[in-house]
Amino acid sequence: MGKSLEIDELWSKRISQSLNGLEYGAVQIIVHDGRIVQIERTERSRFDQEARVQQQEATQTKPVKATGKRYP
């Protein structure tokens, strides 16, 4: 069985700071030899469907007139 991991107040504070304000994402705690060695925070930004549709409409180009040519 692995070593027991003890989390002192400093690490508790660091973990809390990583979680603070995180709306969408993940906090990964890296442990080596029973000790926390790294905290990684990955944050995602999500936008509502209406904003995505408006953005897609703004970036679309005008349709090109068909020439009737066929391509293999």
PDB file of N, CA and C in Angstrom:
ATOM      1  N   MET A   1       0.834  -1.172   0.000  1.00  0.00           N
ATOM      2  CA  MET A   1       0.000   0.000   0.000  1.00  0.00           C
ATOM      3  C   MET A   1       0.882   1.240   0.000  1.00  0.00           C
ATOM      4  N   GLY A   2       0.406   2.339  -0.610  1.00  0.00           N
ATOM      5  CA  GLY A   2       1.180   3.566  -0.737  1.00  0.00           C
ATOM      6  C   GLY A   2       1.340   4.303   0.579  1.00  0.00           C
ATOM      7  N   LYS A   3       2.207   5.277   0.531  1.00  0.00           N
ATOM      8  CA  LYS A   3       2.438   6.101   1.711  1.00  0.00           C
ATOM      9  C   LYS A   3       1.221   6.960   2.001  1.00  0.00           C
ATOM     10  N   SER A   4       1.030   7.274   3.269  1.00  0.00           N
ATOM     11  CA  SER A   4      -0.056   8.150   3.684  1.00  0.00           C
ATOM     12  C   SER A   4       0.284   9.587   3.305  1.00  0.00           C
ATOM     13  N   LEU A   5      -0.673  10.281   2.724  1.00  0.00           N
ATOM     14  CA  LEU A   5      -0.474  11.658   2.296  1.00  0.00           C
ATOM     15  C   LEU A   5      -1.047  12.604   3.330  1.00  0.00           C
ATOM     16  N   GLU A   6      -0.207  13.486   3.817  1.00  0.00           N
ATOM     17  CA  GLU A   6      -0.663  14.492   4.769  1.00  0.00           C
ATOM     18  C   GLU A   6      -0.691  15.843   4.068  1.00  0.00           C
ATOM     19  N   ILE A   7      -1.806  16.546   4.222  1.00  0.00           N
ATOM     20  CA  ILE A   7      -1.960  17.862   3.607  1.00  0.00           C
ATOM     21  C   ILE A   7      -1.947  18.899   4.717  1.00  0.00           C
ATOM     22  N   ASP A   8      -0.891  19.712   4.748  1.00  0.00           N
ATOM     23  CA  ASP A   8      -0.805  20.741   5.782  1.00  0.00           C
ATOM     24  C   ASP A   8      -1.607  21.974   5.356  1.00  0.00           C
ATOM     25  N   GLU A   9      -1.613  22.986   6.192  1.00  0.00           N
ATOM     26  CA  GLU A   9      -2.412  24.185   5.936  1.00  0.00           C
ATOM     27  C   GLU A   9      -1.947  24.920   4.682  1.00  0.00           C
ATOM     28  N   LEU A  10      -0.642  24.918   4.423  1.00  0.00           N
ATOM     29  CA  LEU A  10      -0.105  25.583   3.234  1.00  0.00           C
ATOM     30  C   LEU A  10      -0.675  24.962   1.956  1.00  0.00           C
ATOM     31  N   TRP A  11      -0.652  23.614   1.883  1.00  0.00           N
ATOM     32  CA  TRP A  11      -1.176  22.944   0.698  1.00  0.00           C
ATOM     33  C   TRP A  11      -2.680  23.102   0.605  1.00  0.00           C
ATOM     34  N   SER A  12      -3.371  23.080   1.712  1.00  0.00           N
ATOM     35  CA  SER A  12      -4.827  23.313   1.702  1.00  0.00           C
ATOM     36  C   SER A  12      -5.132  24.691   1.116  1.00  0.00           C
ATOM     37  N   LYS A  13      -4.327  25.676   1.505  1.00  0.00           N
ATOM     38  CA  LYS A  13      -4.521  27.033   1.004  1.00  0.00           C
ATOM     39  C   LYS A  13      -4.235  27.094  -0.499  1.00  0.00           C
ATOM     40  N   ARG A  14      -3.167  26.452  -0.940  1.00  0.00           N
ATOM     41  CA  ARG A  14      -2.826  26.449  -2.368  1.00  0.00           C
ATOM     42  C   ARG A  14      -3.909  25.769  -3.200  1.00  0.00           C
ATOM     43  N   ILE A  15      -4.450  24.667  -2.703  1.00  0.00           N
ATOM     44  CA  ILE A  15      -5.525  23.969  -3.411  1.00  0.00           C
ATOM     45  C   ILE A  15      -6.773  24.844  -3.467  1.00  0.00           C
ATOM     46  N   SER A  16      -7.107  25.476  -2.364  1.00  0.00           N
ATOM     47  CA  SER A  16      -8.267  26.369  -2.323  1.00  0.00           C
ATOM     48  C   SER A  16      -8.098  27.526  -3.300  1.00  0.00           C
ATOM     49  N   GLN A  17      -6.895  28.105  -3.368  1.00  0.00           N
ATOM     50  CA  GLN A  17      -6.639  29.196  -4.302  1.00  0.00           C
ATOM     51  C   GLN A  17      -6.802  28.737  -5.756  1.00  0.00           C
ATOM     52  N   SER A  18      -6.400  27.511  -6.035  1.00  0.00           N
ATOM     53  CA  SER A  18      -6.543  26.976  -7.386  1.00  0.00           C
ATOM     54  C   SER A  18      -8.012  26.783  -7.757  1.00  0.00           C
ATOM     55  N   LEU A  19      -8.820  26.426  -6.778  1.00  0.00           N
ATOM     56  CA  LEU A  19     -10.245  26.210  -7.019  1.00  0.00           C
ATOM     57  C   LEU A  19     -11.045  27.508  -7.039  1.00  0.00           C
ATOM     58  N   ASN A  20     -10.527  28.526  -6.382  1.00  0.00           N
ATOM     59  CA  ASN A  20     -11.248  29.792  -6.253  1.00  0.00           C
ATOM     60  C   ASN A  20     -11.507  30.417  -7.621  1.00  0.00           C
ATOM     61  N   GLY A  21     -12.766  30.707  -7.912  1.00  0.00           N
ATOM     62  CA  GLY A  21     -13.146  31.358  -9.155  1.00  0.00           C
ATOM     63  C   GLY A  21     -13.230  30.442 -10.355  1.00  0.00           C
ATOM     64  N   LEU A  22     -12.986  29.163 -10.166  1.00  0.00           N
ATOM     65  CA  LEU A  22     -13.026  28.212 -11.279  1.00  0.00           C
ATOM     66  C   LEU A  22     -14.472  27.842 -11.571  1.00  0.00           C
ATOM     67  N   GLU A  23     -14.958  28.239 -12.749  1.00  0.00           N
ATOM     68  CA  GLU A  23     -16.346  27.940 -13.123  1.00  0.00           C
ATOM     69  C   GLU A  23     -16.438  26.616 -13.883  1.00  0.00           C
ATOM     70  N   TYR A  24     -15.561  26.444 -14.866  1.00  0.00           N
ATOM     71  CA  TYR A  24     -15.483  25.194 -15.626  1.00  0.00           C
ATOM     72  C   TYR A  24     -14.009  24.836 -15.750  1.00  0.00           C
ATOM     73  N   GLY A  25     -13.657  23.632 -15.423  1.00  0.00           N
ATOM     74  CA  GLY A  25     -12.268  23.219 -15.562  1.00  0.00           C
ATOM     75  C   GLY A  25     -11.906  22.129 -14.582  1.00  0.00           C
ATOM     76  N   ALA A  26     -10.612  22.032 -14.322  1.00  0.00           N
ATOM     77  CA  ALA A  26     -10.122  20.967 -13.454  1.00  0.00           C
ATOM     78  C   ALA A  26      -8.902  21.438 -12.676  1.00  0.00           C
ATOM     79  N   VAL A  27      -8.743  20.894 -11.491  1.00  0.00           N
ATOM     80  CA  VAL A  27      -7.538  21.096 -10.699  1.00  0.00           C
ATOM     81  C   VAL A  27      -6.955  19.713 -10.474  1.00  0.00           C
ATOM     82  N   GLN A  28      -5.717  19.540 -10.912  1.00  0.00           N
ATOM     83  CA  GLN A  28      -5.048  18.245 -10.790  1.00  0.00           C
ATOM     84  C   GLN A  28      -3.912  18.384  -9.792  1.00  0.00           C
ATOM     85  N   ILE A  29      -3.874  17.478  -8.829  1.00  0.00           N
ATOM     86  CA  ILE A  29      -2.838  17.491  -7.798  1.00  0.00           C
ATOM     87  C   ILE A  29      -1.886  16.334  -8.095  1.00  0.00           C
ATOM     88  N   ILE A  30      -0.621  16.676  -8.320  1.00  0.00           N
ATOM     89  CA  ILE A  30       0.387  15.674  -8.663  1.00  0.00           C
ATOM     90  C   ILE A  30       1.126  15.282  -7.385  1.00  0.00           C
ATOM     91  N   VAL A  31       1.181  13.972  -7.118  1.00  0.00           N
ATOM     92  CA  VAL A  31       1.810  13.432  -5.913  1.00  0.00           C
ATOM     93  C   VAL A  31       2.937  12.494  -6.325  1.00  0.00           C
ATOM     94  N   HIS A  32       4.120  12.688  -5.738  1.00  0.00           N
ATOM     95  CA  HIS A  32       5.259  11.795  -5.948  1.00  0.00           C
ATOM     96  C   HIS A  32       5.763  11.358  -4.582  1.00  0.00           C
ATOM     97  N   ASP A  33       5.887  10.076  -4.439  1.00  0.00           N
ATOM     98  CA  ASP A  33       6.453   9.513  -3.211  1.00  0.00           C
ATOM     99  C   ASP A  33       5.724  10.019  -1.957  1.00  0.00           C
ATOM    100  N   GLY A  34       4.395  10.125  -2.062  1.00  0.00           N
ATOM    101  CA  GLY A  34       3.578  10.510  -0.912  1.00  0.00           C
ATOM    102  C   GLY A  34       3.589  11.997  -0.594  1.00  0.00           C
ATOM    103  N   ARG A  35       4.144  12.822  -1.501  1.00  0.00           N
ATOM    104  CA  ARG A  35       4.200  14.269  -1.280  1.00  0.00           C
ATOM    105  C   ARG A  35       3.591  14.995  -2.473  1.00  0.00           C
ATOM    106  N   ILE A  36       2.843  16.062  -2.213  1.00  0.00           N
ATOM    107  CA  ILE A  36       2.327  16.890  -3.287  1.00  0.00           C
ATOM    108  C   ILE A  36       3.508  17.669  -3.864  1.00  0.00           C
ATOM    109  N   VAL A  37       3.668  17.590  -5.177  1.00  0.00           N
ATOM    110  CA  VAL A  37       4.777  18.284  -5.821  1.00  0.00           C
ATOM    111  C   VAL A  37       4.300  19.330  -6.828  1.00  0.00           C
ATOM    112  N   GLN A  38       3.022  19.255  -7.226  1.00  0.00           N
ATOM    113  CA  GLN A  38       2.563  20.166  -8.258  1.00  0.00           C
ATOM    114  C   GLN A  38       1.042  20.252  -8.239  1.00  0.00           C
ATOM    115  N   ILE A  39       0.524  21.427  -8.564  1.00  0.00           N
ATOM    116  CA  ILE A  39      -0.912  21.625  -8.739  1.00  0.00           C
ATOM    117  C   ILE A  39      -1.103  22.239 -10.116  1.00  0.00           C
ATOM    118  N   GLU A  40      -1.950  21.626 -10.936  1.00  0.00           N
ATOM    119  CA  GLU A  40      -2.230  22.142 -12.276  1.00  0.00           C
ATOM    120  C   GLU A  40      -3.688  22.570 -12.343  1.00  0.00           C
ATOM    121  N   ARG A  41      -3.927  23.745 -12.921  1.00  0.00           N
ATOM    122  CA  ARG A  41      -5.285  24.256 -13.074  1.00  0.00           C
ATOM    123  C   ARG A  41      -5.553  24.439 -14.568  1.00  0.00           C
ATOM    124  N   THR A  42      -6.611  23.805 -15.033  1.00  0.00           N
ATOM    125  CA  THR A  42      -7.040  23.941 -16.417  1.00  0.00           C
ATOM    126  C   THR A  42      -8.402  24.602 -16.392  1.00  0.00           C
ATOM    127  N   GLU A  43      -8.510  25.745 -17.045  1.00  0.00           N
ATOM    128  CA  GLU A  43      -9.771  26.488 -17.033  1.00  0.00           C
ATOM    129  C   GLU A  43     -10.380  26.504 -18.427  1.00  0.00           C
ATOM    130  N   ARG A  44     -11.674  26.304 -18.491  1.00  0.00           N
ATOM    131  CA  ARG A  44     -12.416  26.320 -19.745  1.00  0.00           C
ATOM    132  C   ARG A  44     -13.350  27.519 -19.749  1.00  0.00           C
ATOM    133  N   SER A  45     -13.584  28.053 -20.925  1.00  0.00           N
ATOM    134  CA  SER A  45     -14.559  29.126 -21.074  1.00  0.00           C
ATOM    135  C   SER A  45     -15.715  28.587 -21.891  1.00  0.00           C
ATOM    136  N   ARG A  46     -16.905  28.728 -21.393  1.00  0.00           N
ATOM    137  CA  ARG A  46     -18.082  28.262 -22.105  1.00  0.00           C
ATOM    138  C   ARG A  46     -18.962  29.449 -22.432  1.00  0.00           C
ATOM    139  N   PHE A  47     -19.541  29.408 -23.612  1.00  0.00           N
ATOM    140  CA  PHE A  47     -20.389  30.484 -24.071  1.00  0.00           C
ATOM    141  C   PHE A  47     -21.754  29.907 -24.411  1.00  0.00           C
ATOM    142  N   ASP A  48     -22.791  30.695 -24.220  1.00  0.00           N
ATOM    143  CA  ASP A  48     -24.129  30.183 -24.489  1.00  0.00           C
ATOM    144  C   ASP A  48     -24.326  29.972 -25.987  1.00  0.00           C
ATOM    145  N   GLN A  49     -25.325  29.184 -26.329  1.00  0.00           N
ATOM    146  CA  GLN A  49     -25.586  28.790 -27.710  1.00  0.00           C
ATOM    147  C   GLN A  49     -25.838  30.008 -28.600  1.00  0.00           C
ATOM    148  N   GLU A  50     -26.587  30.991 -28.121  1.00  0.00           N
ATOM    149  CA  GLU A  50     -26.913  32.164 -28.926  1.00  0.00           C
ATOM    150  C   GLU A  50     -25.656  32.926 -29.331  1.00  0.00           C
ATOM    151  N   ALA A  51     -24.735  33.069 -28.430  1.00  0.00           N
ATOM    152  CA  ALA A  51     -23.489  33.766 -28.741  1.00  0.00           C
ATOM    153  C   ALA A  51     -22.687  32.999 -29.788  1.00  0.00           C
ATOM    154  N   ARG A  52     -22.693  31.669 -29.724  1.00  0.00           N
ATOM    155  CA  ARG A  52     -21.975  30.870 -30.717  1.00  0.00           C
ATOM    156  C   ARG A  52     -22.591  31.024 -32.095  1.00  0.00           C
ATOM    157  N   VAL A  53     -23.919  31.022 -32.165  1.00  0.00           N
ATOM    158  CA  VAL A  53     -24.602  31.164 -33.448  1.00  0.00           C
ATOM    159  C   VAL A  53     -24.280  32.520 -34.055  1.00  0.00           C
ATOM    160  N   GLN A  54     -24.323  33.583 -33.256  1.00  0.00           N
ATOM    161  CA  GLN A  54     -24.006  34.916 -33.753  1.00  0.00           C
ATOM    162  C   GLN A  54     -22.562  34.983 -34.241  1.00  0.00           C
ATOM    163  N   GLN A  55     -21.664  34.343 -33.533  1.00  0.00           N
ATOM    164  CA  GLN A  55     -20.261  34.345 -33.927  1.00  0.00           C
ATOM    165  C   GLN A  55     -20.079  33.599 -35.245  1.00  0.00           C
ATOM    166  N   GLN A  56     -20.756  32.457 -35.402  1.00  0.00           N
ATOM    167  CA  GLN A  56     -20.647  31.687 -36.637  1.00  0.00           C
ATOM    168  C   GLN A  56     -21.208  32.470 -37.813  1.00  0.00           C
ATOM    169  N   GLU A  57     -22.324  33.144 -37.622  1.00  0.00           N
ATOM    170  CA  GLU A  57     -22.917  33.942 -38.688  1.00  0.00           C
ATOM    171  C   GLU A  57     -21.997  35.079 -39.101  1.00  0.00           C
ATOM    172  N   ALA A  58     -21.312  35.672 -38.146  1.00  0.00           N
ATOM    173  CA  ALA A  58     -20.415  36.787 -38.438  1.00  0.00           C
ATOM    174  C   ALA A  58     -19.183  36.332 -39.210  1.00  0.00           C
ATOM    175  N   THR A  59     -18.760  35.089 -39.027  1.00  0.00           N
ATOM    176  CA  THR A  59     -17.535  34.618 -39.683  1.00  0.00           C
ATOM    177  C   THR A  59     -17.802  33.875 -40.987  1.00  0.00           C
ATOM    178  N   GLN A  60     -19.055  33.587 -41.300  1.00  0.00           N
ATOM    179  CA  GLN A  60     -19.365  32.868 -42.535  1.00  0.00           C
ATOM    180  C   GLN A  60     -19.189  33.787 -43.730  1.00  0.00           C
ATOM    181  N   THR A  61     -18.743  33.195 -44.849  1.00  0.00           N
ATOM    182  CA  THR A  61     -18.609  33.954 -46.091  1.00  0.00           C
ATOM    183  C   THR A  61     -19.876  33.814 -46.910  1.00  0.00           C
ATOM    184  N   LYS A  62     -20.026  34.678 -47.890  1.00  0.00           N
ATOM    185  CA  LYS A  62     -21.195  34.617 -48.760  1.00  0.00           C
ATOM    186  C   LYS A  62     -21.100  33.373 -49.623  1.00  0.00           C
ATOM    187  N   PRO A  63     -22.249  32.755 -49.959  1.00  0.00           N
ATOM    188  CA  PRO A  63     -22.207  31.548 -50.798  1.00  0.00           C
ATOM    189  C   PRO A  63     -21.673  31.873 -52.201  1.00  0.00           C
ATOM    190  N   VAL A  64     -20.960  30.912 -52.784  1.00  0.00           N
ATOM    191  CA  VAL A  64     -20.409  31.057 -54.116  1.00  0.00           C
ATOM    192  C   VAL A  64     -21.394  30.467 -55.101  1.00  0.00           C
ATOM    193  N   LYS A  65     -21.601  31.166 -56.236  1.00  0.00           N
ATOM    194  CA  LYS A  65     -22.534  30.702 -57.239  1.00  0.00           C
ATOM    195  C   LYS A  65     -22.003  29.418 -57.875  1.00  0.00           C
ATOM    196  N   ALA A  66     -22.902  28.445 -58.042  1.00  0.00           N
ATOM    197  CA  ALA A  66     -22.510  27.167 -58.630  1.00  0.00           C
ATOM    198  C   ALA A  66     -22.219  27.341 -60.095  1.00  0.00           C
ATOM    199  N   THR A  67     -21.189  26.668 -60.588  1.00  0.00           N
ATOM    200  CA  THR A  67     -20.795  26.777 -62.000  1.00  0.00           C
ATOM    201  C   THR A  67     -21.343  25.630 -62.818  1.00  0.00           C
ATOM    202  N   GLY A  68     -21.834  24.622 -62.183  1.00  0.00           N
ATOM    203  CA  GLY A  68     -22.336  23.469 -62.907  1.00  0.00           C
ATOM    204  C   GLY A  68     -21.255  22.456 -63.232  1.00  0.00           C
ATOM    205  N   LYS A  69     -20.012  22.776 -62.913  1.00  0.00           N
ATOM    206  CA  LYS A  69     -18.914  21.839 -63.177  1.00  0.00           C
ATOM    207  C   LYS A  69     -18.925  20.754 -62.117  1.00  0.00           C
ATOM    208  N   ARG A  70     -18.578  19.555 -62.545  1.00  0.00           N
ATOM    209  CA  ARG A  70     -18.499  18.434 -61.608  1.00  0.00           C
ATOM    210  C   ARG A  70     -17.032  18.078 -61.414  1.00  0.00           C
ATOM    211  N   TYR A  71     -16.736  17.794 -60.178  1.00  0.00           N
ATOM    212  CA  TYR A  71     -15.378  17.400 -59.833  1.00  0.00           C
ATOM    213  C   TYR A  71     -15.385  15.990 -59.287  1.00  0.00           C
ATOM    214  N   PRO A  72     -14.375  15.217 -59.620  1.00  0.00           N
ATOM    215  CA  PRO A  72     -14.328  13.814 -59.143  1.00  0.00           C
ATOM    216  C   PRO A  72     -14.192  13.713 -57.654  1.00  0.00           C
TER     217      PRO A  72
END
